[in-house]
PDB file of all heavy atoms in Angstrom:
ATOM      1  N   ALA A   1     -14.694  -1.970   7.995  1.00  0.00           N
ATOM      2  CA  ALA A   1     -13.657  -1.026   8.374  1.00  0.00           C
ATOM      3  C   ALA A   1     -12.286  -1.756   8.377  1.00  0.00           C
ATOM      4  O   ALA A   1     -11.328  -1.132   7.970  1.00  0.00           O
ATOM      5  CB  ALA A   1     -13.945  -0.431   9.816  1.00  0.00           C
ATOM      6  N   ALA A   2     -12.300  -2.962   8.790  1.00  0.00           N
ATOM      7  CA  ALA A   2     -11.043  -3.768   8.736  1.00  0.00           C
ATOM      8  C   ALA A   2     -10.503  -3.890   7.304  1.00  0.00           C
ATOM      9  O   ALA A   2      -9.299  -3.728   7.001  1.00  0.00           O
ATOM     10  CB  ALA A   2     -11.199  -5.090   9.409  1.00  0.00           C
ATOM     11  N   ARG A   3     -11.377  -4.146   6.369  1.00  0.00           N
ATOM     12  CA  ARG A   3     -10.894  -4.351   4.962  1.00  0.00           C
ATOM     13  C   ARG A   3     -10.436  -2.942   4.431  1.00  0.00           C
ATOM     14  O   ARG A   3      -9.445  -2.900   3.770  1.00  0.00           O
ATOM     15  CB  ARG A   3     -12.061  -4.786   4.130  1.00  0.00           C
ATOM     16  CG  ARG A   3     -12.581  -6.236   4.412  1.00  0.00           C
ATOM     17  CD  ARG A   3     -13.716  -6.607   3.527  1.00  0.00           C
ATOM     18  NE  ARG A   3     -13.401  -6.495   2.122  1.00  0.00           N
ATOM     19  CZ  ARG A   3     -14.272  -6.662   1.103  1.00  0.00           C
ATOM     20  NH1 ARG A   3     -15.460  -6.959   1.379  1.00  0.00           N
ATOM     21  NH2 ARG A   3     -13.840  -6.550  -0.165  1.00  0.00           N
ATOM     22  N   GLU A   4     -11.083  -1.833   4.768  1.00  0.00           N
ATOM     23  CA  GLU A   4     -10.626  -0.565   4.340  1.00  0.00           C
ATOM     24  C   GLU A   4      -9.239  -0.281   4.903  1.00  0.00           C
ATOM     25  O   GLU A   4      -8.358   0.316   4.220  1.00  0.00           O
ATOM     26  CB  GLU A   4     -11.711   0.430   4.868  1.00  0.00           C
ATOM     27  CG  GLU A   4     -11.248   1.914   4.603  1.00  0.00           C
ATOM     28  CD  GLU A   4     -12.200   2.938   5.201  1.00  0.00           C
ATOM     29  OE1 GLU A   4     -13.282   2.487   5.708  1.00  0.00           O
ATOM     30  OE2 GLU A   4     -11.862   4.147   5.152  1.00  0.00           O
ATOM     31  N   LEU A   5      -9.097  -0.568   6.183  1.00  0.00           N
ATOM     32  CA  LEU A   5      -7.783  -0.226   6.859  1.00  0.00           C
ATOM     33  C   LEU A   5      -6.707  -1.144   6.304  1.00  0.00           C
ATOM     34  O   LEU A   5      -5.466  -0.745   6.117  1.00  0.00           O
ATOM     35  CB  LEU A   5      -7.822  -0.446   8.351  1.00  0.00           C
ATOM     36  CG  LEU A   5      -8.756   0.545   9.064  1.00  0.00           C
ATOM     37  CD1 LEU A   5      -8.905   0.185  10.540  1.00  0.00           C
ATOM     38  CD2 LEU A   5      -8.239   1.950   8.946  1.00  0.00           C
ATOM     39  N   PHE A   6      -6.969  -2.455   5.985  1.00  0.00           N
ATOM     40  CA  PHE A   6      -5.985  -3.311   5.463  1.00  0.00           C
ATOM     41  C   PHE A   6      -5.404  -2.871   4.171  1.00  0.00           C
ATOM     42  O   PHE A   6      -4.214  -2.975   3.876  1.00  0.00           O
ATOM     43  CB  PHE A   6      -6.577  -4.758   5.394  1.00  0.00           C
ATOM     44  CG  PHE A   6      -5.591  -5.826   4.904  1.00  0.00           C
ATOM     45  CD1 PHE A   6      -4.662  -6.365   5.694  1.00  0.00           C
ATOM     46  CD2 PHE A   6      -5.654  -6.207   3.481  1.00  0.00           C
ATOM     47  CE1 PHE A   6      -3.821  -7.276   5.185  1.00  0.00           C
ATOM     48  CE2 PHE A   6      -4.778  -7.078   2.977  1.00  0.00           C
ATOM     49  CZ  PHE A   6      -3.846  -7.671   3.885  1.00  0.00           C
ATOM     50  N   PHE A   7      -6.276  -2.337   3.297  1.00  0.00           N
ATOM     51  CA  PHE A   7      -5.824  -1.956   2.040  1.00  0.00           C
ATOM     52  C   PHE A   7      -5.281  -0.481   1.971  1.00  0.00           C
ATOM     53  O   PHE A   7      -4.488  -0.060   1.107  1.00  0.00           O
ATOM     54  CB  PHE A   7      -6.944  -2.032   0.989  1.00  0.00           C
ATOM     55  CG  PHE A   7      -7.249  -3.435   0.646  1.00  0.00           C
ATOM     56  CD1 PHE A   7      -8.441  -4.009   1.128  1.00  0.00           C
ATOM     57  CD2 PHE A   7      -6.506  -4.232  -0.180  1.00  0.00           C
ATOM     58  CE1 PHE A   7      -8.765  -5.267   0.810  1.00  0.00           C
ATOM     59  CE2 PHE A   7      -6.728  -5.512  -0.507  1.00  0.00           C
ATOM     60  CZ  PHE A   7      -7.922  -6.097  -0.009  1.00  0.00           C
ATOM     61  N   ALA A   8      -5.681   0.336   3.034  1.00  0.00           N
ATOM     62  CA  ALA A   8      -5.361   1.725   3.014  1.00  0.00           C
ATOM     63  C   ALA A   8      -4.065   1.949   3.855  1.00  0.00           C
ATOM     64  O   ALA A   8      -3.330   2.959   3.610  1.00  0.00           O
ATOM     65  CB  ALA A   8      -6.488   2.659   3.526  1.00  0.00           C
ATOM     66  N   ASP A   9      -3.803   1.154   4.957  1.00  0.00           N
ATOM     67  CA  ASP A   9      -2.758   1.510   5.901  1.00  0.00           C
ATOM     68  C   ASP A   9      -1.781   0.352   6.097  1.00  0.00           C
ATOM     69  O   ASP A   9      -1.407   0.014   7.237  1.00  0.00           O
ATOM     70  CB  ASP A   9      -3.363   1.854   7.265  1.00  0.00           C
ATOM     71  CG  ASP A   9      -4.202   3.084   7.243  1.00  0.00           C
ATOM     72  OD1 ASP A   9      -3.905   3.944   6.371  1.00  0.00           O
ATOM     73  OD2 ASP A   9      -5.159   3.161   8.022  1.00  0.00           O
ATOM     74  N   PRO A  10      -1.372  -0.311   5.067  1.00  0.00           N
ATOM     75  CA  PRO A  10      -0.340  -1.384   5.253  1.00  0.00           C
ATOM     76  C   PRO A  10       1.003  -0.832   5.755  1.00  0.00           C
ATOM     77  O   PRO A  10       1.753  -1.510   6.438  1.00  0.00           O
ATOM     78  CB  PRO A  10      -0.205  -2.055   3.846  1.00  0.00           C
ATOM     79  CG  PRO A  10      -0.620  -1.008   2.882  1.00  0.00           C
ATOM     80  CD  PRO A  10      -1.663  -0.266   3.570  1.00  0.00           C
ATOM     81  N   TYR A  11       1.286   0.415   5.392  1.00  0.00           N
ATOM     82  CA  TYR A  11       2.520   1.037   5.837  1.00  0.00           C
ATOM     83  C   TYR A  11       2.534   1.155   7.345  1.00  0.00           C
ATOM     84  O   TYR A  11       3.616   0.873   7.940  1.00  0.00           O
ATOM     85  CB  TYR A  11       2.600   2.470   5.203  1.00  0.00           C
ATOM     86  CG  TYR A  11       3.777   3.297   5.765  1.00  0.00           C
ATOM     87  CD1 TYR A  11       5.100   3.043   5.346  1.00  0.00           C
ATOM     88  CD2 TYR A  11       3.478   4.367   6.612  1.00  0.00           C
ATOM     89  CE1 TYR A  11       6.136   3.792   5.949  1.00  0.00           C
ATOM     90  CE2 TYR A  11       4.497   5.137   7.132  1.00  0.00           C
ATOM     91  CZ  TYR A  11       5.816   4.868   6.800  1.00  0.00           C
ATOM     92  OH  TYR A  11       6.820   5.652   7.310  1.00  0.00           O
ATOM     93  N   HIS A  12       1.487   1.525   7.949  1.00  0.00           N
ATOM     94  CA  HIS A  12       1.458   1.710   9.414  1.00  0.00           C
ATOM     95  C   HIS A  12       1.605   0.315  10.164  1.00  0.00           C
ATOM     96  O   HIS A  12       2.225   0.241  11.158  1.00  0.00           O
ATOM     97  CB  HIS A  12       0.140   2.348   9.849  1.00  0.00           C
ATOM     98  CG  HIS A  12       0.060   3.698   9.306  1.00  0.00           C
ATOM     99  ND1 HIS A  12       0.673   4.834   9.842  1.00  0.00           N
ATOM    100  CD2 HIS A  12      -0.642   4.266   8.252  1.00  0.00           C
ATOM    101  CE1 HIS A  12       0.347   5.959   9.268  1.00  0.00           C
ATOM    102  NE2 HIS A  12      -0.418   5.546   8.198  1.00  0.00           N
ATOM    103  N   VAL A  13       1.023  -0.709   9.545  1.00  0.00           N
ATOM    104  CA  VAL A  13       1.160  -2.005  10.083  1.00  0.00           C
ATOM    105  C   VAL A  13       2.613  -2.412  10.073  1.00  0.00           C
ATOM    106  O   VAL A  13       3.122  -2.989  11.011  1.00  0.00           O
ATOM    107  CB  VAL A  13       0.214  -3.012   9.314  1.00  0.00           C
ATOM    108  CG1 VAL A  13       0.457  -4.449   9.823  1.00  0.00           C
ATOM    109  CG2 VAL A  13      -1.191  -2.604   9.473  1.00  0.00           C
ATOM    110  N   GLY A  14       3.255  -2.217   8.887  1.00  0.00           N
ATOM    111  CA  GLY A  14       4.677  -2.620   8.738  1.00  0.00           C
ATOM    112  C   GLY A  14       5.581  -1.917   9.732  1.00  0.00           C
ATOM    113  O   GLY A  14       6.467  -2.459  10.317  1.00  0.00           O
ATOM    114  N   ILE A  15       5.269  -0.583   9.868  1.00  0.00           N
ATOM    115  CA  ILE A  15       6.096   0.217  10.911  1.00  0.00           C
ATOM    116  C   ILE A  15       5.975  -0.379  12.270  1.00  0.00           C
ATOM    117  O   ILE A  15       7.025  -0.526  12.973  1.00  0.00           O
ATOM    118  CB  ILE A  15       5.648   1.662  10.866  1.00  0.00           C
ATOM    119  CG1 ILE A  15       6.121   2.313   9.519  1.00  0.00           C
ATOM    120  CG2 ILE A  15       6.251   2.466  12.022  1.00  0.00           C
ATOM    121  CD1 ILE A  15       7.568   2.447   9.377  1.00  0.00           C
ATOM    122  N   THR A  16       4.777  -0.677  12.694  1.00  0.00           N
ATOM    123  CA  THR A  16       4.538  -1.199  14.019  1.00  0.00           C
ATOM    124  C   THR A  16       5.284  -2.536  14.170  1.00  0.00           C
ATOM    125  O   THR A  16       5.931  -2.847  15.265  1.00  0.00           O
ATOM    126  CB  THR A  16       3.064  -1.306  14.362  1.00  0.00           C
ATOM    127  OG1 THR A  16       2.491  -0.050  14.277  1.00  0.00           O
ATOM    128  CG2 THR A  16       2.785  -1.997  15.708  1.00  0.00           C
ATOM    129  N   LEU A  17       5.144  -3.455  13.119  1.00  0.00           N
ATOM    130  CA  LEU A  17       5.768  -4.711  13.316  1.00  0.00           C
ATOM    131  C   LEU A  17       7.308  -4.622  13.333  1.00  0.00           C
ATOM    132  O   LEU A  17       7.992  -5.310  14.085  1.00  0.00           O
ATOM    133  CB  LEU A  17       5.411  -5.614  12.070  1.00  0.00           C
ATOM    134  CG  LEU A  17       3.901  -6.046  12.065  1.00  0.00           C
ATOM    135  CD1 LEU A  17       3.605  -6.869  10.768  1.00  0.00           C
ATOM    136  CD2 LEU A  17       3.611  -6.861  13.293  1.00  0.00           C
ATOM    137  N   ILE A  18       7.922  -3.667  12.563  1.00  0.00           N
ATOM    138  CA  ILE A  18       9.381  -3.515  12.630  1.00  0.00           C
ATOM    139  C   ILE A  18       9.771  -2.987  13.951  1.00  0.00           C
ATOM    140  O   ILE A  18      10.767  -3.433  14.607  1.00  0.00           O
ATOM    141  CB  ILE A  18       9.739  -2.501  11.560  1.00  0.00           C
ATOM    142  CG1 ILE A  18       9.577  -3.210  10.143  1.00  0.00           C
ATOM    143  CG2 ILE A  18      11.202  -2.074  11.669  1.00  0.00           C
ATOM    144  CD1 ILE A  18       9.889  -2.242   8.975  1.00  0.00           C
ATOM    145  N   ARG A  19       9.055  -2.013  14.537  1.00  0.00           N
ATOM    146  CA  ARG A  19       9.360  -1.487  15.869  1.00  0.00           C
ATOM    147  C   ARG A  19       9.301  -2.591  16.879  1.00  0.00           C
ATOM    148  O   ARG A  19      10.177  -2.689  17.734  1.00  0.00           O
ATOM    149  CB  ARG A  19       8.450  -0.338  16.220  1.00  0.00           C
ATOM    150  CG  ARG A  19       8.596   0.891  15.402  1.00  0.00           C
ATOM    151  CD  ARG A  19       7.520   1.882  15.636  1.00  0.00           C
ATOM    152  NE  ARG A  19       7.724   3.149  14.994  1.00  0.00           N
ATOM    153  CZ  ARG A  19       6.728   4.083  14.851  1.00  0.00           C
ATOM    154  NH1 ARG A  19       5.543   3.850  15.197  1.00  0.00           N
ATOM    155  NH2 ARG A  19       7.096   5.307  14.231  1.00  0.00           N
ATOM    156  N   LEU A  20       8.265  -3.397  16.872  1.00  0.00           N
ATOM    157  CA  LEU A  20       8.071  -4.467  17.846  1.00  0.00           C
ATOM    158  C   LEU A  20       9.217  -5.491  17.704  1.00  0.00           C
ATOM    159  O   LEU A  20       9.741  -5.974  18.734  1.00  0.00           O
ATOM    160  CB  LEU A  20       6.734  -5.118  17.555  1.00  0.00           C
ATOM    161  CG  LEU A  20       6.303  -6.249  18.541  1.00  0.00           C
ATOM    162  CD1 LEU A  20       6.051  -5.650  19.948  1.00  0.00           C
ATOM    163  CD2 LEU A  20       5.061  -6.879  18.092  1.00  0.00           C
ATOM    164  N   THR A  21       9.492  -5.876  16.472  1.00  0.00           N
ATOM    165  CA  THR A  21      10.554  -6.944  16.334  1.00  0.00           C
ATOM    166  C   THR A  21      11.879  -6.513  16.773  1.00  0.00           C
ATOM    167  O   THR A  21      12.660  -7.216  17.479  1.00  0.00           O
ATOM    168  CB  THR A  21      10.629  -7.362  14.803  1.00  0.00           C
ATOM    169  OG1 THR A  21       9.381  -7.755  14.373  1.00  0.00           O
ATOM    170  CG2 THR A  21      11.618  -8.443  14.529  1.00  0.00           C
ATOM    171  N   VAL A  22      12.311  -5.271  16.341  1.00  0.00           N
ATOM    172  CA  VAL A  22      13.641  -4.759  16.775  1.00  0.00           C
ATOM    173  C   VAL A  22      13.701  -4.570  18.278  1.00  0.00           C
ATOM    174  O   VAL A  22      14.672  -5.026  18.954  1.00  0.00           O
ATOM    175  CB  VAL A  22      13.883  -3.356  16.077  1.00  0.00           C
ATOM    176  CG1 VAL A  22      15.125  -2.764  16.627  1.00  0.00           C
ATOM    177  CG2 VAL A  22      13.983  -3.577  14.537  1.00  0.00           C
ATOM    178  N   ALA A  23      12.663  -3.949  18.885  1.00  0.00           N
ATOM    179  CA  ALA A  23      12.692  -3.809  20.360  1.00  0.00           C
ATOM    180  C   ALA A  23      12.735  -5.130  21.125  1.00  0.00           C
ATOM    181  O   ALA A  23      13.592  -5.270  22.114  1.00  0.00           O
ATOM    182  CB  ALA A  23      11.483  -3.029  20.771  1.00  0.00           C
ATOM    183  N   VAL A  24      11.929  -6.173  20.683  1.00  0.00           N
ATOM    184  CA  VAL A  24      11.926  -7.434  21.442  1.00  0.00           C
ATOM    185  C   VAL A  24      13.302  -8.111  21.257  1.00  0.00           C
ATOM    186  O   VAL A  24      13.823  -8.734  22.132  1.00  0.00           O
ATOM    187  CB  VAL A  24      10.796  -8.283  20.945  1.00  0.00           C
ATOM    188  CG1 VAL A  24      10.792  -9.689  21.590  1.00  0.00           C
ATOM    189  CG2 VAL A  24       9.398  -7.675  21.411  1.00  0.00           C
ATOM    190  N   GLY A  25      13.829  -8.045  20.011  1.00  0.00           N
ATOM    191  CA  GLY A  25      15.132  -8.690  19.738  1.00  0.00           C
ATOM    192  C   GLY A  25      16.228  -8.083  20.590  1.00  0.00           C
ATOM    193  O   GLY A  25      17.040  -8.840  21.138  1.00  0.00           O
TER     194      GLY A  25
END
């Protein structure tokens, strides 16, 4: 399932990382 999500949902991972970085900064 992790391999499936890694290749299918990189957009959602990027969105979460951007939100986290901006908010913490």
